């Protein structure tokens, strides 16, 4: 099968699988009245894409093993982290989804179905660098691929540390009503989002060594837009301002909204 046709076939199979999974998740979310489960399965859709692509792509096997391992490890970690956060509170819908449910009213279930399917489509679009890399037939790993892998390691551990710091802060009853401003959270209000974006930048750099690798820029660009303008920072900050307005406004005045900067005085 010609390479372009094979890539289209892999993307199509991935899309069908992700849309089906999200349809099933929507039925579950409708039953339990908690749309927050979409976040968990958005992350877990990527391992599904990984498996499909690994089995069907025709690139250099050592490269496929390397990028599939990176992709699988990162998304499983994120999926498990989200699972622990969401599944432990199924009777309590996350604030941003609760707000959407109120705004949509009687159309909430229909709108959430569309939203869930959009998440499935985004899974496949964001996997563009992954499709490109695994199709690369070159039998040597380039410097760019080593740089991408090294940046990925930094991003992976950075996000894991940020998530664990926030989880530990929330577990302490004495921190109820307070804002986490220790560790990486001292330098940014959203270090977890920053390192998530950095992970996608690593995939882009890795993909630059493959034919048409520049097209992989679409993934970190979309992730950056979504995190800073749509579902990430704006919704998170709105929820924090509703739940702890005074403390969070003070926190906003002294920290970077996304990137890691030195603490403002």
Protein backbone atom coordinates (compact mmCIF):
# COMPACT_ATOMS: atom_id res chain seq x y z
CA UNK A 1 0.00 0.00 0.00
CA UNK A 2 1.43 3.49 -0.90
CA UNK A 3 2.58 5.44 2.16
CA UNK A 4 -0.04 8.21 1.85
CA UNK A 5 -2.86 5.67 1.54
CA UNK A 6 -1.54 3.71 4.51
CA UNK A 7 -1.39 6.88 6.65
CA UNK A 8 -4.98 7.76 5.69
CA UNK A 9 -6.10 4.21 6.50
CA UNK A 10 -4.41 4.29 9.93
CA UNK A 11 -5.92 7.70 10.72
CA UNK A 12 -9.39 6.51 9.63
CA UNK A 13 -9.24 3.35 11.75
CA UNK A 14 -8.02 5.45 14.71
CA UNK A 15 -10.88 7.92 14.23
CA UNK A 16 -13.52 5.17 14.11
CA UNK A 17 -12.09 3.58 17.27
CA UNK A 18 -11.92 6.88 19.19
CA UNK A 19 -15.43 7.97 18.15
CA UNK A 20 -16.86 4.64 19.22
CA UNK A 21 -15.09 4.80 22.59
CA UNK A 22 -16.32 8.35 23.19
CA UNK A 23 -19.89 7.35 22.29
CA UNK A 24 -19.74 4.63 24.95
CA UNK A 25 -18.21 7.06 27.45
CA UNK A 26 -21.01 9.57 26.69
CA UNK A 27 -23.62 6.94 27.52
CA UNK A 28 -21.88 6.29 30.83
CA UNK A 29 -21.51 10.01 31.56
CA UNK A 30 -25.20 10.54 30.79
CA UNK A 31 -26.15 7.78 33.21
CA UNK A 32 -23.99 9.03 36.10
CA UNK A 33 -24.45 12.74 35.22
CA UNK A 34 -20.72 13.42 35.25
CA UNK A 35 -19.15 14.65 32.00
CA UNK A 36 -15.74 14.87 33.67
CA UNK A 37 -15.02 11.27 32.63
CA UNK A 38 -14.33 12.58 29.11
CA UNK A 39 -10.93 13.88 30.30
CA UNK A 40 -9.88 10.40 31.37
CA UNK A 41 -10.79 8.74 28.11
CA UNK A 42 -9.40 11.58 26.00
CA UNK A 43 -6.00 10.63 27.42
CA UNK A 44 -6.66 6.88 27.18
CA UNK A 45 -7.66 7.15 23.52
CA UNK A 46 -4.03 7.85 22.67
CA UNK A 47 -2.82 4.39 23.77
CA UNK A 48 -5.52 2.97 21.47
CA UNK A 49 -4.11 5.04 18.59
CA UNK A 50 -0.62 3.90 19.59
CA UNK A 51 -1.55 0.25 19.32
CA UNK A 52 -3.32 0.70 15.98
CA UNK A 53 -0.44 2.67 14.50
CA UNK A 54 2.26 0.34 15.77
CA UNK A 55 0.52 -2.65 14.19
CA UNK A 56 -0.30 -1.00 10.86
CA UNK A 57 2.52 1.49 10.16
CA UNK A 58 5.40 0.52 7.90
CA UNK A 59 8.29 2.57 9.28
CA UNK A 60 11.62 1.57 10.86
CA UNK A 61 10.84 -0.77 13.77
CA UNK A 62 13.35 0.64 16.34
CA UNK A 63 11.95 4.15 15.73
CA UNK A 64 8.40 2.85 16.05
CA UNK A 65 9.26 1.18 19.35
CA UNK A 66 10.90 4.36 20.68
CA UNK A 67 8.11 6.80 19.78
CA UNK A 68 5.34 4.33 20.67
CA UNK A 69 6.96 3.75 24.05
CA UNK A 70 7.20 7.49 24.70
CA UNK A 71 3.63 8.17 23.58
CA UNK A 72 2.19 5.20 25.45
CA UNK A 73 4.00 5.98 28.71
CA UNK A 74 3.03 9.67 28.72
CA UNK A 75 -0.64 9.13 27.94
CA UNK A 76 -1.07 6.16 30.27
CA UNK A 77 0.44 8.22 33.08
CA UNK A 78 -1.91 11.10 32.34
CA UNK A 79 -4.89 8.79 31.95
CA UNK A 80 -4.21 7.01 35.24
CA UNK A 81 -3.70 10.34 37.01
CA UNK A 82 -7.01 11.65 35.67
CA UNK A 83 -8.72 8.36 36.48
CA UNK A 84 -7.67 8.63 40.12
CA UNK A 85 -8.82 12.26 40.25
CA UNK A 86 -12.17 11.81 38.52
CA UNK A 87 -13.26 8.26 39.37
CA UNK A 88 -12.77 8.92 43.07
CA UNK A 89 -15.44 11.64 42.89
CA UNK A 90 -17.99 10.34 40.38
CA UNK A 91 -20.84 11.75 42.44
CA UNK A 92 -19.34 15.24 42.16
CA UNK A 93 -18.99 16.70 38.66
CA UNK A 94 -15.99 18.96 38.06
CA UNK A 95 -16.87 22.65 38.24
CA UNK A 96 -16.26 23.53 34.58
CA UNK A 97 -18.55 20.72 33.34
CA UNK A 98 -21.16 21.52 35.97
CA UNK A 99 -21.14 25.10 34.68
CA UNK A 100 -21.57 23.93 31.07
CA UNK A 101 -24.47 21.70 32.14
CA UNK A 102 -26.19 24.73 33.72
CA UNK A 103 -25.58 26.92 30.66
CA UNK A 104 -26.82 24.28 28.18
CA UNK A 105 -29.89 23.34 30.22
CA UNK A 106 -32.20 20.91 28.38
CA UNK A 107 -29.67 20.61 25.52
CA UNK A 108 -26.86 19.46 27.82
CA UNK A 109 -26.89 15.77 26.87
CA UNK A 110 -26.95 16.52 23.13
CA UNK A 111 -24.21 19.13 23.42
CA UNK A 112 -22.06 16.84 25.52
CA UNK A 113 -22.37 14.13 22.85
CA UNK A 114 -21.04 16.57 20.24
CA UNK A 115 -18.34 17.67 22.67
CA UNK A 116 -17.26 14.07 23.33
CA UNK A 117 -17.07 13.34 19.59
CA UNK A 118 -15.03 16.48 19.06
CA UNK A 119 -12.61 15.17 21.68
CA UNK A 120 -12.29 11.94 19.65
CA UNK A 121 -11.53 13.92 16.49
CA UNK A 122 -8.95 15.98 18.40
CA UNK A 123 -7.24 12.74 19.47
CA UNK A 124 -6.59 11.85 15.82
CA UNK A 125 -5.59 15.36 14.73
CA UNK A 126 -3.13 15.65 17.61
CA UNK A 127 -1.64 12.27 16.68
CA UNK A 128 -0.37 13.70 13.35
CA UNK A 129 3.30 13.75 14.48
CA UNK A 130 2.90 10.18 15.66
CA UNK A 131 1.57 9.04 12.26
CA UNK A 132 4.42 10.85 10.48
CA UNK A 133 7.18 9.46 12.70
CA UNK A 134 6.07 5.84 12.56
CA UNK A 135 5.93 5.99 8.73
CA UNK A 136 9.57 7.13 8.45
CA UNK A 137 11.54 4.31 6.71
CA UNK A 138 15.00 5.74 7.52
CA UNK A 139 17.09 3.18 9.38
CA UNK A 140 19.10 5.65 11.46
CA UNK A 141 17.98 7.76 14.42
CA UNK A 142 18.87 11.42 13.81
CA UNK A 143 20.12 14.14 16.17
CA UNK A 144 16.72 15.85 16.04
CA UNK A 145 15.07 12.66 17.24
CA UNK A 146 17.49 12.37 20.15
CA UNK A 147 16.81 16.04 21.05
CA UNK A 148 13.06 15.41 20.90
CA UNK A 149 13.41 12.35 23.13
CA UNK A 150 15.52 14.31 25.67
CA UNK A 151 12.98 17.16 25.79
CA UNK A 152 10.23 14.57 26.23
CA UNK A 153 11.97 13.16 29.32
CA UNK A 154 12.11 16.64 30.88
CA UNK A 155 8.44 17.28 30.08
CA UNK A 156 7.31 13.86 31.30
CA UNK A 157 8.93 14.17 34.72
CA UNK A 158 8.00 17.86 35.01
CA UNK A 159 4.31 17.13 34.51
CA UNK A 160 4.42 14.13 36.84
CA UNK A 161 6.08 16.17 39.60
CA UNK A 162 3.59 19.04 39.18
CA UNK A 163 0.61 16.67 39.38
CA UNK A 164 1.97 14.95 42.47
CA UNK A 165 2.70 18.26 44.21
CA UNK A 166 -0.86 19.44 43.63
CA UNK A 167 -2.36 16.11 44.72
CA UNK A 168 -0.33 16.14 47.94
CA UNK A 169 -1.41 19.73 48.63
CA UNK A 170 -5.10 18.87 48.19
CA UNK A 171 -4.85 15.82 50.44
CA UNK A 172 -3.82 17.96 53.41
CA UNK A 173 -7.03 19.06 55.21
CA UNK A 174 -5.29 22.18 56.51
CA UNK A 175 -5.00 23.46 52.92
CA UNK A 176 -8.77 23.58 52.34
CA UNK A 177 -9.64 26.93 50.77
CA UNK A 178 -5.98 27.71 50.09
CA UNK A 179 -4.06 27.93 46.80
CA UNK A 180 -1.17 25.59 46.02
CA UNK A 181 1.86 27.84 45.61
CA UNK A 182 4.71 25.51 46.49
CA UNK A 183 7.16 23.56 44.35
CA UNK A 184 6.64 24.14 40.62
CA UNK A 185 3.39 25.91 41.47
CA UNK A 186 5.47 28.68 43.02
CA UNK A 187 6.67 29.66 39.52
CA UNK A 188 3.52 29.08 37.49
CA UNK A 189 -0.20 28.74 38.13
CA UNK A 190 -0.32 25.85 35.66
CA UNK A 191 3.01 23.98 35.48
CA UNK A 192 1.15 20.76 34.62
CA UNK A 193 -0.33 22.40 31.52
CA UNK A 194 3.06 23.86 30.59
CA UNK A 195 4.80 20.49 30.69
CA UNK A 196 1.90 18.85 28.82
CA UNK A 197 2.46 21.37 26.01
CA UNK A 198 6.22 20.77 26.20
CA UNK A 199 5.57 17.06 25.64
CA UNK A 200 3.86 17.87 22.34
CA UNK A 201 6.72 20.18 21.40
CA UNK A 202 9.04 17.22 21.92
CA UNK A 203 6.96 15.12 19.48
CA UNK A 204 7.14 17.96 16.94
CA UNK A 205 10.93 18.21 17.19
CA UNK A 206 11.18 14.43 16.92
CA UNK A 207 8.97 14.50 13.79
CA UNK A 208 11.15 17.10 12.05
CA UNK A 209 13.56 14.30 11.15
CA UNK A 210 10.83 12.57 9.11
CA UNK A 211 9.43 13.46 5.67
CA UNK A 212 6.74 16.13 6.01
CA UNK A 213 7.63 16.43 9.67
CA UNK A 214 6.93 20.18 9.71
CA UNK A 215 3.21 19.31 9.55
CA UNK A 216 3.54 18.02 13.11
CA UNK A 217 3.59 21.64 14.29
CA UNK A 218 -0.21 21.44 14.25
CA UNK A 219 -0.17 19.41 17.49
CA UNK A 220 1.73 21.75 19.88
CA UNK A 221 -0.03 24.74 18.26
CA UNK A 222 -3.49 23.27 18.96
CA UNK A 223 -2.50 22.15 22.46
CA UNK A 224 -1.14 25.63 23.28
CA UNK A 225 -4.34 27.28 22.03
CA UNK A 226 -6.62 24.88 23.89
CA UNK A 227 -4.69 25.07 27.14
CA UNK A 228 -4.28 28.85 27.23
CA UNK A 229 -7.47 30.04 25.53
CA UNK A 230 -10.19 27.38 25.73
CA UNK A 231 -10.42 24.40 28.09
CA UNK A 232 -7.31 24.68 30.23
CA UNK A 233 -6.22 27.89 31.92
CA UNK A 234 -9.45 29.95 31.43
CA UNK A 235 -11.83 27.32 32.84
CA UNK A 236 -9.47 26.38 35.65
CA UNK A 237 -8.95 29.97 36.71
CA UNK A 238 -12.65 30.79 36.52
CA UNK A 239 -13.39 27.85 38.80
CA UNK A 240 -10.65 28.86 41.27
CA UNK A 241 -11.91 32.45 41.32
CA UNK A 242 -15.40 31.16 42.14
CA UNK A 243 -14.22 28.84 44.92
CA UNK A 244 -11.51 31.00 46.53
CA UNK A 245 -11.67 34.52 45.03
CA UNK A 246 -9.44 36.45 47.44
CA UNK A 247 -6.62 33.92 47.71
CA UNK A 248 -6.56 33.17 43.97
CA UNK A 249 -6.58 36.84 42.92
CA UNK A 250 -3.52 37.37 45.09
CA UNK A 251 -1.90 34.28 43.54
CA UNK A 252 -2.61 35.63 40.03
CA UNK A 253 -0.78 38.83 40.83
CA UNK A 254 2.47 37.09 41.71
CA UNK A 255 2.78 34.18 39.27
CA UNK A 256 2.95 33.44 35.56
CA UNK A 257 -0.28 32.15 34.05
CA UNK A 258 1.31 29.32 32.06
CA UNK A 259 5.04 29.30 31.41
CA UNK A 260 7.62 28.85 34.16
CA UNK A 261 9.05 32.24 35.14
CA UNK A 262 10.82 33.51 38.19
CA UNK A 263 8.46 34.52 40.98
CA UNK A 264 7.17 38.07 40.63
CA UNK A 265 7.79 40.27 43.61
